Amino acid sequence: MKYTKYRSNFSLRFGSVQKGGRNCEGKITVRHRGGGHKQAYRSIDWNRSYSKGLIVSFEYDPQRNASLAKLYHHTTSSKENSGNPKDYSYILAPSGVKLFQEVFTYGKYNQKLNRGMQRLQYGDSAPIQFFETGDFIHAVEAFPGQGSIFGRAAGSFCQVISFTQKTEDDIASQSSSTYAKIRLPSGSQRLINTSAYASLGVVASIFAQKLNLKKAGRSR
């Protein structure tokens, strides 16, 4: 994946204050911190607030080892634009997506996915119940509506192992919630509500974790 030469949007960049290892009193509490290049924080849409978007660029993020994909949203829906009037947003770039590819967020703003008729593509976001057993996913929510917290580093992914049936407690309480067993990048397994969102694919820059820095100064 090659980075495009477009500059990042200033509306999606915020200043990042470096503490230099000092606390609120100005005293050094963590040694050997300070210096380095000035870095700006890129605001990433962890909740996938739009129903669809067009990938217009791939960009570098100094705050993380994963690459970013900038989406252009050509929707005029007032419901989607409420509270977020920007035309662009950032998401984690999954491996396999291409420039000017359209990605969708299913289950929001009447964007429905017909089972058996449509297949999810890399970069599409949907509730876990729409994925199949064995699928590799990233940017997984722990609880519905929380925002993705699992599988966000470069080359990381989670895997759908199985779907659990309703327990006796759920039937007694007339609850319709089901859970999926997800293998996290650490290797541990966790039950997550199938209404939680995730994105299909593996986070790009899969060789970032195997990069040999050779000396400590390169990581500073």
N, C-alpha and C. Protein backbone atom coordinates (compact mmCIF):
# COMPACT_ATOMS: atom_id res chain seq x y z
N MET A 1 0.85 -1.19 0.00
CA MET A 1 0.00 0.00 0.00
C MET A 1 0.88 1.24 0.00
N LYS A 2 0.69 2.10 -0.99
CA LYS A 2 1.48 3.32 -1.11
C LYS A 2 0.69 4.51 -0.60
N TYR A 3 1.38 5.39 0.09
CA TYR A 3 0.73 6.60 0.57
C TYR A 3 0.53 7.57 -0.60
N THR A 4 -0.59 8.25 -0.58
CA THR A 4 -0.85 9.27 -1.59
C THR A 4 -0.19 10.58 -1.17
N LYS A 5 -0.06 11.50 -2.11
CA LYS A 5 0.67 12.74 -1.88
C LYS A 5 -0.23 13.88 -1.41
N TYR A 6 -1.50 13.57 -1.15
CA TYR A 6 -2.39 14.61 -0.65
C TYR A 6 -2.09 14.92 0.81
N ARG A 7 -2.23 16.17 1.19
CA ARG A 7 -2.02 16.56 2.57
C ARG A 7 -3.24 16.18 3.40
N SER A 8 -3.02 15.94 4.68
CA SER A 8 -4.12 15.59 5.57
C SER A 8 -5.02 16.80 5.81
N ASN A 9 -6.29 16.53 6.10
CA ASN A 9 -7.25 17.61 6.34
C ASN A 9 -6.98 18.27 7.69
N PHE A 10 -6.95 19.60 7.70
CA PHE A 10 -6.71 20.32 8.95
C PHE A 10 -7.90 20.18 9.90
N SER A 11 -9.10 19.93 9.35
CA SER A 11 -10.26 19.76 10.22
C SER A 11 -10.23 18.45 10.98
N LEU A 12 -9.38 17.50 10.55
CA LEU A 12 -9.27 16.21 11.20
C LEU A 12 -7.97 16.06 11.98
N ARG A 13 -7.22 17.15 12.09
CA ARG A 13 -5.95 17.14 12.83
C ARG A 13 -6.06 18.02 14.06
N PHE A 14 -5.46 17.55 15.15
CA PHE A 14 -5.45 18.30 16.39
C PHE A 14 -4.04 18.26 16.98
N GLY A 15 -3.70 19.31 17.68
CA GLY A 15 -2.39 19.37 18.30
C GLY A 15 -2.25 18.36 19.41
N SER A 16 -1.08 17.77 19.48
CA SER A 16 -0.79 16.78 20.52
C SER A 16 0.26 17.36 21.45
N VAL A 17 -0.11 17.57 22.70
CA VAL A 17 0.80 18.18 23.68
C VAL A 17 1.71 17.10 24.26
N GLN A 18 3.00 17.32 24.17
CA GLN A 18 3.96 16.38 24.73
C GLN A 18 4.37 16.84 26.13
N LYS A 19 4.29 15.92 27.06
CA LYS A 19 4.54 16.25 28.46
C LYS A 19 6.03 16.28 28.81
N GLY A 20 6.83 15.61 28.05
CA GLY A 20 8.26 15.58 28.36
C GLY A 20 8.59 14.87 29.65
N GLY A 21 7.71 13.97 30.10
CA GLY A 21 7.96 13.22 31.33
C GLY A 21 7.71 14.02 32.59
N ARG A 22 7.01 15.15 32.49
CA ARG A 22 6.79 16.01 33.66
C ARG A 22 5.33 15.93 34.11
N ASN A 23 5.12 16.12 35.41
CA ASN A 23 3.76 16.10 35.95
C ASN A 23 3.20 17.51 35.98
N CYS A 24 2.09 17.70 36.71
CA CYS A 24 1.43 19.00 36.75
C CYS A 24 2.26 20.07 37.45
N GLU A 25 3.24 19.66 38.24
CA GLU A 25 4.10 20.62 38.93
C GLU A 25 5.37 20.95 38.14
N GLY A 26 5.52 20.32 36.99
CA GLY A 26 6.70 20.57 36.18
C GLY A 26 7.90 19.74 36.57
N LYS A 27 7.70 18.81 37.47
CA LYS A 27 8.81 17.97 37.92
C LYS A 27 8.89 16.72 37.05
N ILE A 28 10.10 16.29 36.77
CA ILE A 28 10.31 15.10 35.95
C ILE A 28 9.97 13.86 36.77
N THR A 29 8.96 13.14 36.34
CA THR A 29 8.56 11.90 37.00
C THR A 29 8.94 10.67 36.18
N VAL A 30 9.12 10.83 34.88
CA VAL A 30 9.57 9.75 34.00
C VAL A 30 10.81 10.25 33.28
N ARG A 31 11.91 9.60 33.49
CA ARG A 31 13.17 10.07 32.91
C ARG A 31 13.30 9.68 31.44
N HIS A 32 14.22 10.35 30.77
CA HIS A 32 14.59 10.05 29.39
C HIS A 32 13.43 10.28 28.42
N ARG A 33 12.58 11.22 28.72
CA ARG A 33 11.49 11.60 27.81
C ARG A 33 11.73 13.02 27.32
N GLY A 34 11.29 13.32 26.11
CA GLY A 34 11.41 14.67 25.59
C GLY A 34 12.05 14.69 24.23
N GLY A 35 11.92 15.84 23.55
CA GLY A 35 12.47 15.97 22.22
C GLY A 35 11.57 15.30 21.19
N GLY A 36 12.14 14.95 20.06
CA GLY A 36 11.38 14.30 19.00
C GLY A 36 10.69 15.30 18.09
N HIS A 37 10.12 14.79 17.05
CA HIS A 37 9.44 15.62 16.07
C HIS A 37 8.03 15.94 16.55
N LYS A 38 7.57 17.12 16.18
CA LYS A 38 6.20 17.50 16.54
C LYS A 38 5.20 16.61 15.79
N GLN A 39 4.21 16.10 16.52
CA GLN A 39 3.24 15.18 15.95
C GLN A 39 1.83 15.72 16.17
N ALA A 40 1.00 15.55 15.17
CA ALA A 40 -0.40 15.95 15.26
C ALA A 40 -1.27 14.70 15.33
N TYR A 41 -2.32 14.79 16.12
CA TYR A 41 -3.23 13.66 16.29
C TYR A 41 -4.30 13.68 15.21
N ARG A 42 -4.50 12.54 14.55
CA ARG A 42 -5.56 12.41 13.54
C ARG A 42 -6.82 11.85 14.20
N SER A 43 -7.94 12.52 14.00
CA SER A 43 -9.20 12.08 14.57
C SER A 43 -9.78 10.96 13.71
N ILE A 44 -9.92 9.78 14.30
CA ILE A 44 -10.40 8.60 13.58
C ILE A 44 -11.84 8.33 13.98
N ASP A 45 -12.65 8.00 13.00
CA ASP A 45 -14.07 7.71 13.23
C ASP A 45 -14.20 6.25 13.67
N TRP A 46 -14.08 6.02 14.98
CA TRP A 46 -14.13 4.66 15.50
C TRP A 46 -15.54 4.08 15.44
N ASN A 47 -16.56 4.93 15.39
CA ASN A 47 -17.95 4.45 15.37
C ASN A 47 -18.53 4.34 13.97
N ARG A 48 -17.75 4.69 12.95
CA ARG A 48 -18.22 4.63 11.56
C ARG A 48 -19.56 5.34 11.44
N SER A 49 -19.53 6.66 11.59
CA SER A 49 -20.74 7.47 11.70
C SER A 49 -21.51 7.60 10.39
N TYR A 50 -20.89 7.23 9.26
CA TYR A 50 -21.55 7.38 7.96
C TYR A 50 -21.88 6.02 7.37
N SER A 51 -22.90 5.98 6.53
CA SER A 51 -23.33 4.72 5.94
C SER A 51 -22.41 4.26 4.81
N LYS A 52 -21.73 5.19 4.13
CA LYS A 52 -20.81 4.81 3.07
C LYS A 52 -19.81 5.93 2.85
N GLY A 53 -18.71 5.57 2.23
CA GLY A 53 -17.67 6.55 1.96
C GLY A 53 -16.74 6.05 0.86
N LEU A 54 -16.09 6.98 0.19
CA LEU A 54 -15.18 6.68 -0.92
C LEU A 54 -13.75 6.92 -0.45
N ILE A 55 -12.90 5.91 -0.63
CA ILE A 55 -11.50 6.04 -0.24
C ILE A 55 -10.79 6.94 -1.23
N VAL A 56 -10.29 8.06 -0.75
CA VAL A 56 -9.63 9.02 -1.64
C VAL A 56 -8.13 9.11 -1.38
N SER A 57 -7.64 8.60 -0.27
CA SER A 57 -6.20 8.65 -0.03
C SER A 57 -5.83 7.70 1.10
N PHE A 58 -4.56 7.31 1.09
CA PHE A 58 -3.95 6.54 2.17
C PHE A 58 -2.86 7.41 2.78
N GLU A 59 -2.90 7.55 4.10
CA GLU A 59 -2.00 8.50 4.76
C GLU A 59 -1.27 7.85 5.93
N TYR A 60 -0.17 8.49 6.28
CA TYR A 60 0.65 8.06 7.42
C TYR A 60 0.15 8.73 8.69
N ASP A 61 0.17 7.98 9.78
CA ASP A 61 -0.23 8.51 11.08
C ASP A 61 0.95 8.39 12.03
N PRO A 62 1.49 9.51 12.50
CA PRO A 62 2.66 9.42 13.39
C PRO A 62 2.33 8.86 14.76
N GLN A 63 1.04 8.79 15.12
CA GLN A 63 0.65 8.32 16.45
C GLN A 63 0.48 6.80 16.52
N ARG A 64 0.51 6.11 15.39
CA ARG A 64 0.27 4.66 15.39
C ARG A 64 1.04 4.04 14.22
N ASN A 65 1.24 2.73 14.27
CA ASN A 65 1.96 2.07 13.19
C ASN A 65 1.04 1.62 12.06
N ALA A 66 -0.26 1.76 12.21
CA ALA A 66 -1.20 1.40 11.15
C ALA A 66 -1.41 2.59 10.21
N SER A 67 -1.70 2.29 8.96
CA SER A 67 -1.98 3.32 7.98
C SER A 67 -3.45 3.74 8.08
N LEU A 68 -3.74 4.94 7.59
CA LEU A 68 -5.09 5.49 7.61
C LEU A 68 -5.63 5.62 6.20
N ALA A 69 -6.92 5.43 6.06
CA ALA A 69 -7.63 5.66 4.81
C ALA A 69 -8.60 6.81 5.00
N LYS A 70 -8.51 7.80 4.13
CA LYS A 70 -9.41 8.95 4.24
C LYS A 70 -10.62 8.72 3.35
N LEU A 71 -11.80 8.86 3.95
CA LEU A 71 -13.06 8.63 3.24
C LEU A 71 -13.72 9.96 2.92
N TYR A 72 -14.26 10.03 1.70
CA TYR A 72 -15.08 11.18 1.32
C TYR A 72 -16.54 10.74 1.33
N HIS A 73 -17.37 11.49 2.04
CA HIS A 73 -18.79 11.16 2.19
C HIS A 73 -19.61 12.13 1.33
N HIS A 74 -20.23 11.57 0.32
CA HIS A 74 -21.04 12.40 -0.58
C HIS A 74 -22.52 12.32 -0.25
N THR A 75 -22.84 12.09 1.01
CA THR A 75 -24.23 12.03 1.42
C THR A 75 -24.69 13.40 1.87
N THR A 76 -25.96 13.65 1.72
CA THR A 76 -26.56 14.92 2.14
C THR A 76 -27.62 14.69 3.20
N SER A 77 -27.64 13.50 3.78
CA SER A 77 -28.65 13.20 4.79
C SER A 77 -28.39 14.01 6.05
N SER A 78 -29.41 14.70 6.53
CA SER A 78 -29.25 15.50 7.75
C SER A 78 -29.07 14.62 8.97
N LYS A 79 -29.60 13.38 8.93
CA LYS A 79 -29.46 12.48 10.06
C LYS A 79 -28.01 12.05 10.23
N GLU A 80 -27.31 11.78 9.12
CA GLU A 80 -25.92 11.37 9.20
C GLU A 80 -25.02 12.54 9.52
N ASN A 81 -25.38 13.74 9.06
CA ASN A 81 -24.52 14.89 9.28
C ASN A 81 -24.73 15.55 10.63
N SER A 82 -25.71 15.10 11.40
CA SER A 82 -25.98 15.73 12.68
C SER A 82 -24.84 15.47 13.64
N GLY A 83 -24.25 16.54 14.16
CA GLY A 83 -23.15 16.43 15.09
C GLY A 83 -21.81 16.18 14.45
N ASN A 84 -21.77 15.91 13.15
CA ASN A 84 -20.51 15.66 12.46
C ASN A 84 -20.63 16.18 11.04
N PRO A 85 -20.49 17.48 10.85
CA PRO A 85 -20.74 18.06 9.53
C PRO A 85 -19.59 17.90 8.55
N LYS A 86 -18.52 17.21 8.92
CA LYS A 86 -17.36 17.10 8.03
C LYS A 86 -17.69 16.20 6.84
N ASP A 87 -17.06 16.50 5.71
CA ASP A 87 -17.23 15.68 4.51
C ASP A 87 -16.22 14.55 4.45
N TYR A 88 -15.20 14.58 5.31
CA TYR A 88 -14.15 13.57 5.30
C TYR A 88 -14.03 12.94 6.69
N SER A 89 -13.51 11.74 6.70
CA SER A 89 -13.23 11.06 7.97
C SER A 89 -12.12 10.05 7.74
N TYR A 90 -11.48 9.65 8.83
CA TYR A 90 -10.39 8.67 8.79
C TYR A 90 -10.87 7.35 9.36
N ILE A 91 -10.41 6.25 8.75
CA ILE A 91 -10.58 4.92 9.29
C ILE A 91 -9.25 4.19 9.17
N LEU A 92 -9.10 3.09 9.88
CA LEU A 92 -7.92 2.26 9.71
C LEU A 92 -7.97 1.59 8.34
N ALA A 93 -6.86 1.64 7.62
CA ALA A 93 -6.82 1.05 6.29
C ALA A 93 -6.61 -0.45 6.39
N PRO A 94 -7.59 -1.25 5.96
CA PRO A 94 -7.38 -2.70 5.98
C PRO A 94 -6.61 -3.15 4.75
N SER A 95 -5.96 -4.28 4.88
CA SER A 95 -5.22 -4.85 3.76
C SER A 95 -6.19 -5.35 2.69
N GLY A 96 -5.92 -4.99 1.44
CA GLY A 96 -6.75 -5.45 0.33
C GLY A 96 -7.64 -4.39 -0.28
N VAL A 97 -7.78 -3.23 0.37
CA VAL A 97 -8.61 -2.17 -0.20
C VAL A 97 -7.80 -1.40 -1.24
N LYS A 98 -8.52 -0.74 -2.14
CA LYS A 98 -7.89 0.00 -3.22
C LYS A 98 -8.36 1.45 -3.19
N LEU A 99 -7.62 2.28 -3.88
CA LEU A 99 -7.97 3.68 -3.97
C LEU A 99 -9.26 3.84 -4.77
N PHE A 100 -10.12 4.73 -4.33
CA PHE A 100 -11.42 5.02 -4.94
C PHE A 100 -12.38 3.83 -4.82
N GLN A 101 -12.16 3.00 -3.82
CA GLN A 101 -13.11 1.93 -3.51
C GLN A 101 -14.13 2.47 -2.52
N GLU A 102 -15.37 2.04 -2.65
CA GLU A 102 -16.43 2.49 -1.76
C GLU A 102 -16.64 1.46 -0.66
N VAL A 103 -16.65 1.92 0.56
CA VAL A 103 -16.87 1.05 1.72
C VAL A 103 -18.17 1.46 2.38
N PHE A 104 -18.82 0.49 3.01
CA PHE A 104 -20.16 0.70 3.57
C PHE A 104 -20.16 0.35 5.05
N THR A 105 -21.10 0.95 5.76
CA THR A 105 -21.40 0.61 7.15
C THR A 105 -22.84 0.13 7.19
N TYR A 106 -23.02 -1.16 7.36
CA TYR A 106 -24.36 -1.75 7.31
C TYR A 106 -25.01 -1.72 8.69
N GLY A 107 -26.33 -1.59 8.67
CA GLY A 107 -27.08 -1.58 9.91
C GLY A 107 -27.36 -0.20 10.43
N LYS A 108 -26.81 0.86 9.80
CA LYS A 108 -27.04 2.24 10.23
C LYS A 108 -27.66 3.02 9.08
N TYR A 109 -28.57 3.90 9.44
CA TYR A 109 -29.19 4.82 8.48
C TYR A 109 -29.80 4.05 7.30
N ASN A 110 -30.54 2.98 7.63
CA ASN A 110 -31.28 2.19 6.64
C ASN A 110 -30.37 1.52 5.62
N GLN A 111 -29.10 1.35 5.94
CA GLN A 111 -28.19 0.63 5.06
C GLN A 111 -28.24 -0.84 5.46
N LYS A 112 -28.98 -1.64 4.69
CA LYS A 112 -29.25 -3.02 5.05
C LYS A 112 -28.40 -3.95 4.20
N LEU A 113 -28.14 -5.13 4.75
CA LEU A 113 -27.36 -6.16 4.07
C LEU A 113 -28.24 -7.39 3.93
N ASN A 114 -28.44 -7.82 2.68
CA ASN A 114 -29.25 -8.99 2.41
C ASN A 114 -28.38 -10.23 2.47
N ARG A 115 -28.69 -11.11 3.39
CA ARG A 115 -27.91 -12.33 3.54
C ARG A 115 -28.12 -13.21 2.32
N GLY A 116 -27.03 -13.78 1.81
CA GLY A 116 -27.10 -14.64 0.65
C GLY A 116 -27.07 -13.88 -0.66
N MET A 117 -27.43 -12.60 -0.65
CA MET A 117 -27.45 -11.80 -1.86
C MET A 117 -26.22 -10.90 -1.96
N GLN A 118 -25.69 -10.46 -0.83
CA GLN A 118 -24.54 -9.58 -0.81
C GLN A 118 -23.45 -10.18 0.06
N ARG A 119 -22.22 -9.85 -0.27
CA ARG A 119 -21.09 -10.27 0.52
C ARG A 119 -20.32 -9.04 0.97
N LEU A 120 -19.83 -9.10 2.20
CA LEU A 120 -19.05 -7.99 2.72
C LEU A 120 -17.70 -7.93 2.02
N GLN A 121 -17.22 -6.72 1.77
CA GLN A 121 -15.91 -6.51 1.19
C GLN A 121 -14.96 -5.99 2.26
N TYR A 122 -13.67 -6.02 1.95
CA TYR A 122 -12.68 -5.52 2.89
C TYR A 122 -12.94 -4.04 3.17
N GLY A 123 -12.98 -3.71 4.45
CA GLY A 123 -13.24 -2.34 4.86
C GLY A 123 -14.67 -2.08 5.26
N ASP A 124 -15.60 -2.98 4.91
CA ASP A 124 -17.00 -2.79 5.29
C ASP A 124 -17.18 -3.07 6.77
N SER A 125 -18.04 -2.29 7.39
CA SER A 125 -18.34 -2.44 8.81
C SER A 125 -19.77 -2.91 8.97
N ALA A 126 -19.99 -3.83 9.89
CA ALA A 126 -21.32 -4.39 10.11
C ALA A 126 -21.35 -5.03 11.49
N PRO A 127 -22.55 -5.30 12.02
CA PRO A 127 -22.63 -6.07 13.27
C PRO A 127 -22.01 -7.45 13.10
N ILE A 128 -21.50 -8.00 14.19
CA ILE A 128 -20.79 -9.28 14.13
C ILE A 128 -21.70 -10.40 13.63
N GLN A 129 -23.00 -10.25 13.79
CA GLN A 129 -23.91 -11.31 13.37
C GLN A 129 -23.90 -11.53 11.85
N PHE A 130 -23.40 -10.56 11.08
CA PHE A 130 -23.36 -10.69 9.63
C PHE A 130 -22.08 -11.36 9.14
N PHE A 131 -21.11 -11.60 10.04
CA PHE A 131 -19.89 -12.27 9.63
C PHE A 131 -20.05 -13.78 9.73
N GLU A 132 -19.17 -14.50 9.06
CA GLU A 132 -19.20 -15.95 9.06
C GLU A 132 -18.09 -16.48 9.95
N THR A 133 -18.24 -17.71 10.34
CA THR A 133 -17.23 -18.35 11.19
C THR A 133 -15.91 -18.46 10.44
N GLY A 134 -14.85 -18.00 11.08
CA GLY A 134 -13.54 -18.03 10.47
C GLY A 134 -13.11 -16.72 9.84
N ASP A 135 -14.00 -15.74 9.76
CA ASP A 135 -13.65 -14.46 9.15
C ASP A 135 -12.64 -13.70 10.01
N PHE A 136 -11.72 -13.01 9.34
CA PHE A 136 -10.78 -12.13 10.02
C PHE A 136 -11.38 -10.73 10.06
N ILE A 137 -11.44 -10.16 11.25
CA ILE A 137 -12.04 -8.84 11.43
C ILE A 137 -11.09 -7.98 12.25
N HIS A 138 -11.33 -6.68 12.22
CA HIS A 138 -10.53 -5.74 13.00
C HIS A 138 -11.45 -4.62 13.47
N ALA A 139 -10.92 -3.74 14.31
CA ALA A 139 -11.69 -2.62 14.86
C ALA A 139 -13.00 -3.13 15.47
N VAL A 140 -12.87 -4.03 16.43
CA VAL A 140 -14.02 -4.70 17.03
C VAL A 140 -14.44 -3.97 18.30
N GLU A 141 -15.74 -3.82 18.46
CA GLU A 141 -16.29 -3.22 19.68
C GLU A 141 -16.41 -4.29 20.76
N ALA A 142 -16.19 -3.89 22.01
CA ALA A 142 -16.41 -4.80 23.13
C ALA A 142 -17.88 -4.84 23.51
N PHE A 143 -18.55 -3.69 23.39
CA PHE A 143 -19.98 -3.57 23.66
C PHE A 143 -20.60 -2.73 22.54
N PRO A 144 -21.86 -2.96 22.22
CA PRO A 144 -22.49 -2.20 21.13
C PRO A 144 -22.50 -0.70 21.42
N GLY A 145 -22.01 0.07 20.45
CA GLY A 145 -21.99 1.52 20.57
C GLY A 145 -20.81 2.09 21.31
N GLN A 146 -19.90 1.24 21.78
CA GLN A 146 -18.76 1.73 22.55
C GLN A 146 -17.67 2.32 21.67
N GLY A 147 -17.55 1.85 20.44
CA GLY A 147 -16.41 2.22 19.61
C GLY A 147 -15.38 1.11 19.63
N SER A 148 -14.70 0.92 18.54
CA SER A 148 -13.80 -0.22 18.40
C SER A 148 -12.58 -0.06 19.31
N ILE A 149 -12.20 -1.16 19.96
CA ILE A 149 -11.04 -1.15 20.85
C ILE A 149 -10.13 -2.35 20.60
N PHE A 150 -10.57 -3.38 19.90
CA PHE A 150 -9.76 -4.57 19.65
C PHE A 150 -9.31 -4.59 18.19
N GLY A 151 -8.08 -5.04 17.97
CA GLY A 151 -7.58 -5.21 16.62
C GLY A 151 -7.37 -3.90 15.89
N ARG A 152 -6.54 -3.03 16.45
CA ARG A 152 -6.33 -1.72 15.83
C ARG A 152 -4.88 -1.49 15.42
N ALA A 153 -3.94 -2.33 15.84
CA ALA A 153 -2.54 -2.16 15.48
C ALA A 153 -2.28 -2.71 14.09
N ALA A 154 -1.17 -2.30 13.50
CA ALA A 154 -0.84 -2.74 12.15
C ALA A 154 -0.64 -4.26 12.11
N GLY A 155 -1.29 -4.92 11.16
CA GLY A 155 -1.16 -6.35 11.00
C GLY A 155 -1.97 -7.18 11.97
N SER A 156 -2.72 -6.56 12.88
CA SER A 156 -3.48 -7.32 13.86
C SER A 156 -4.88 -7.63 13.32
N PHE A 157 -5.49 -8.62 13.91
CA PHE A 157 -6.84 -9.02 13.51
C PHE A 157 -7.45 -9.87 14.61
N CYS A 158 -8.76 -9.96 14.59
CA CYS A 158 -9.52 -10.89 15.42
C CYS A 158 -10.19 -11.91 14.51
N GLN A 159 -10.60 -13.01 15.06
CA GLN A 159 -11.21 -14.06 14.27
C GLN A 159 -12.49 -14.55 14.93
N VAL A 160 -13.52 -14.71 14.11
CA VAL A 160 -14.80 -15.22 14.58
C VAL A 160 -14.68 -16.74 14.70
N ILE A 161 -14.86 -17.25 15.92
CA ILE A 161 -14.71 -18.68 16.15
C ILE A 161 -16.06 -19.39 16.03
N SER A 162 -17.06 -18.89 16.75
CA SER A 162 -18.37 -19.55 16.75
C SER A 162 -19.40 -18.57 17.27
N PHE A 163 -20.66 -18.96 17.10
CA PHE A 163 -21.79 -18.20 17.62
C PHE A 163 -22.51 -19.07 18.64
N THR A 164 -22.82 -18.47 19.78
CA THR A 164 -23.47 -19.22 20.85
C THR A 164 -24.98 -19.13 20.70
N GLN A 165 -25.64 -20.18 21.15
CA GLN A 165 -27.09 -20.19 21.15
C GLN A 165 -27.61 -19.49 22.41
N LYS A 166 -28.91 -19.28 22.45
CA LYS A 166 -29.52 -18.66 23.63
C LYS A 166 -29.41 -19.57 24.84
N THR A 167 -29.05 -18.99 25.94
CA THR A 167 -28.98 -19.76 27.18
C THR A 167 -30.36 -19.81 27.84
N GLU A 168 -30.48 -20.62 28.88
CA GLU A 168 -31.76 -20.73 29.59
C GLU A 168 -32.12 -19.42 30.27
N ASP A 169 -31.10 -18.68 30.73
CA ASP A 169 -31.37 -17.39 31.37
C ASP A 169 -31.92 -16.39 30.36
N ASP A 170 -31.39 -16.43 29.12
CA ASP A 170 -31.90 -15.52 28.10
C ASP A 170 -33.34 -15.86 27.72
N ILE A 171 -33.65 -17.15 27.66
CA ILE A 171 -35.02 -17.55 27.32
C ILE A 171 -35.98 -17.16 28.43
N ALA A 172 -35.54 -17.31 29.69
CA ALA A 172 -36.40 -16.96 30.81
C ALA A 172 -36.65 -15.46 30.87
N SER A 173 -35.64 -14.67 30.53
CA SER A 173 -35.80 -13.21 30.55
C SER A 173 -36.30 -12.65 29.24
N GLN A 174 -36.60 -13.55 28.27
CA GLN A 174 -37.09 -13.15 26.95
C GLN A 174 -36.11 -12.18 26.27
N SER A 175 -34.82 -12.46 26.45
CA SER A 175 -33.79 -11.65 25.82
C SER A 175 -33.41 -12.25 24.48
N SER A 176 -33.26 -11.41 23.48
CA SER A 176 -32.93 -11.86 22.13
C SER A 176 -31.45 -11.70 21.81
N SER A 177 -30.64 -11.38 22.82
CA SER A 177 -29.22 -11.14 22.58
C SER A 177 -28.49 -12.47 22.43
N THR A 178 -27.63 -12.55 21.42
CA THR A 178 -26.75 -13.69 21.21
C THR A 178 -25.32 -13.19 21.21
N TYR A 179 -24.39 -14.11 21.36
CA TYR A 179 -22.99 -13.75 21.50
C TYR A 179 -22.14 -14.54 20.51
N ALA A 180 -21.02 -13.97 20.17
CA ALA A 180 -20.05 -14.62 19.30
C ALA A 180 -18.74 -14.77 20.06
N LYS A 181 -18.11 -15.91 19.87
CA LYS A 181 -16.80 -16.14 20.49
C LYS A 181 -15.74 -15.63 19.53
N ILE A 182 -14.98 -14.63 20.00
CA ILE A 182 -13.99 -13.96 19.17
C ILE A 182 -12.60 -14.22 19.74
N ARG A 183 -11.68 -14.60 18.85
CA ARG A 183 -10.28 -14.74 19.27
C ARG A 183 -9.59 -13.40 19.06
N LEU A 184 -9.04 -12.84 20.13
CA LEU A 184 -8.40 -11.53 20.09
C LEU A 184 -6.95 -11.67 19.62
N PRO A 185 -6.29 -10.56 19.26
CA PRO A 185 -4.89 -10.65 18.82
C PRO A 185 -3.96 -11.25 19.88
N SER A 186 -4.32 -11.14 21.17
CA SER A 186 -3.49 -11.72 22.22
C SER A 186 -3.60 -13.23 22.28
N GLY A 187 -4.60 -13.79 21.60
CA GLY A 187 -4.83 -15.23 21.65
C GLY A 187 -5.95 -15.62 22.58
N SER A 188 -6.37 -14.71 23.44
CA SER A 188 -7.48 -15.01 24.35
C SER A 188 -8.80 -14.97 23.59
N GLN A 189 -9.79 -15.60 24.14
CA GLN A 189 -11.11 -15.66 23.53
C GLN A 189 -12.11 -14.94 24.42
N ARG A 190 -13.05 -14.26 23.76
CA ARG A 190 -14.01 -13.44 24.50
C ARG A 190 -15.37 -13.51 23.83
N LEU A 191 -16.41 -13.54 24.66
CA LEU A 191 -17.78 -13.50 24.15
C LEU A 191 -18.20 -12.05 23.98
N ILE A 192 -18.62 -11.71 22.76
CA ILE A 192 -19.02 -10.35 22.43
C ILE A 192 -20.41 -10.39 21.83
N ASN A 193 -21.22 -9.43 22.20
CA ASN A 193 -22.58 -9.34 21.68
C ASN A 193 -22.54 -9.19 20.16
N THR A 194 -23.41 -9.93 19.48
CA THR A 194 -23.41 -9.90 18.01
C THR A 194 -23.93 -8.58 17.45
N SER A 195 -24.46 -7.71 18.30
CA SER A 195 -24.87 -6.38 17.83
C SER A 195 -23.70 -5.40 17.78
N ALA A 196 -22.56 -5.78 18.35
CA ALA A 196 -21.38 -4.92 18.30
C ALA A 196 -20.82 -4.92 16.89
N TYR A 197 -20.20 -3.81 16.52
CA TYR A 197 -19.71 -3.63 15.15
C TYR A 197 -18.26 -4.06 15.03
N ALA A 198 -17.90 -4.46 13.82
CA ALA A 198 -16.52 -4.79 13.47
C ALA A 198 -16.36 -4.58 11.97
N SER A 199 -15.11 -4.53 11.53
CA SER A 199 -14.81 -4.33 10.12
C SER A 199 -14.11 -5.57 9.58
N LEU A 200 -14.37 -5.87 8.32
CA LEU A 200 -13.82 -7.07 7.70
C LEU A 200 -12.40 -6.83 7.21
N GLY A 201 -11.53 -7.79 7.48
CA GLY A 201 -10.17 -7.73 6.97
C GLY A 201 -9.13 -7.59 8.07
N VAL A 202 -7.88 -7.57 7.63
CA VAL A 202 -6.72 -7.42 8.51
C VAL A 202 -6.20 -6.00 8.35
N VAL A 203 -5.76 -5.40 9.44
CA VAL A 203 -5.21 -4.04 9.37
C VAL A 203 -3.97 -4.06 8.50
N ALA A 204 -3.81 -3.05 7.64
CA ALA A 204 -2.70 -3.00 6.69
C ALA A 204 -1.37 -2.85 7.42
N SER A 205 -0.29 -2.89 6.63
CA SER A 205 1.09 -2.83 7.14
C SER A 205 1.37 -4.03 8.03
N ILE A 206 1.17 -5.21 7.44
CA ILE A 206 1.29 -6.44 8.22
C ILE A 206 2.73 -6.73 8.62
N PHE A 207 3.71 -6.09 7.97
CA PHE A 207 5.11 -6.34 8.30
C PHE A 207 5.65 -5.33 9.31
N ALA A 208 4.81 -4.44 9.81
CA ALA A 208 5.27 -3.44 10.76
C ALA A 208 5.72 -4.07 12.07
N GLN A 209 5.06 -5.15 12.48
CA GLN A 209 5.42 -5.79 13.73
C GLN A 209 6.72 -6.59 13.62
N LYS A 210 7.15 -6.91 12.39
CA LYS A 210 8.37 -7.68 12.20
C LYS A 210 9.56 -6.80 11.86
N LEU A 211 9.39 -5.49 11.88
CA LEU A 211 10.47 -4.58 11.55
C LEU A 211 11.51 -4.57 12.66
N ASN A 212 12.76 -4.76 12.28
CA ASN A 212 13.87 -4.75 13.22
C ASN A 212 14.45 -3.35 13.29
N LEU A 213 14.30 -2.68 14.42
CA LEU A 213 14.79 -1.31 14.56
C LEU A 213 16.30 -1.23 14.73
N LYS A 214 16.93 -2.30 15.17
CA LYS A 214 18.38 -2.46 15.29
C LYS A 214 19.00 -1.64 16.42
N LYS A 215 18.41 -0.52 16.76
CA LYS A 215 18.93 0.27 17.88
C LYS A 215 17.78 1.02 18.54
N ALA A 216 17.97 1.39 19.80
CA ALA A 216 16.89 2.02 20.56
C ALA A 216 16.59 3.43 20.06
N GLY A 217 17.55 4.06 19.42
CA GLY A 217 17.34 5.45 18.99
C GLY A 217 16.29 5.59 17.91
N ARG A 218 16.06 4.56 17.13
CA ARG A 218 15.06 4.67 16.06
C ARG A 218 13.64 4.70 16.59
N SER A 219 13.43 4.21 17.80
CA SER A 219 12.09 4.19 18.37
C SER A 219 11.82 5.43 19.20
N ARG A 220 12.74 6.37 19.26
CA ARG A 220 12.57 7.57 20.08
C ARG A 220 12.01 8.71 19.27
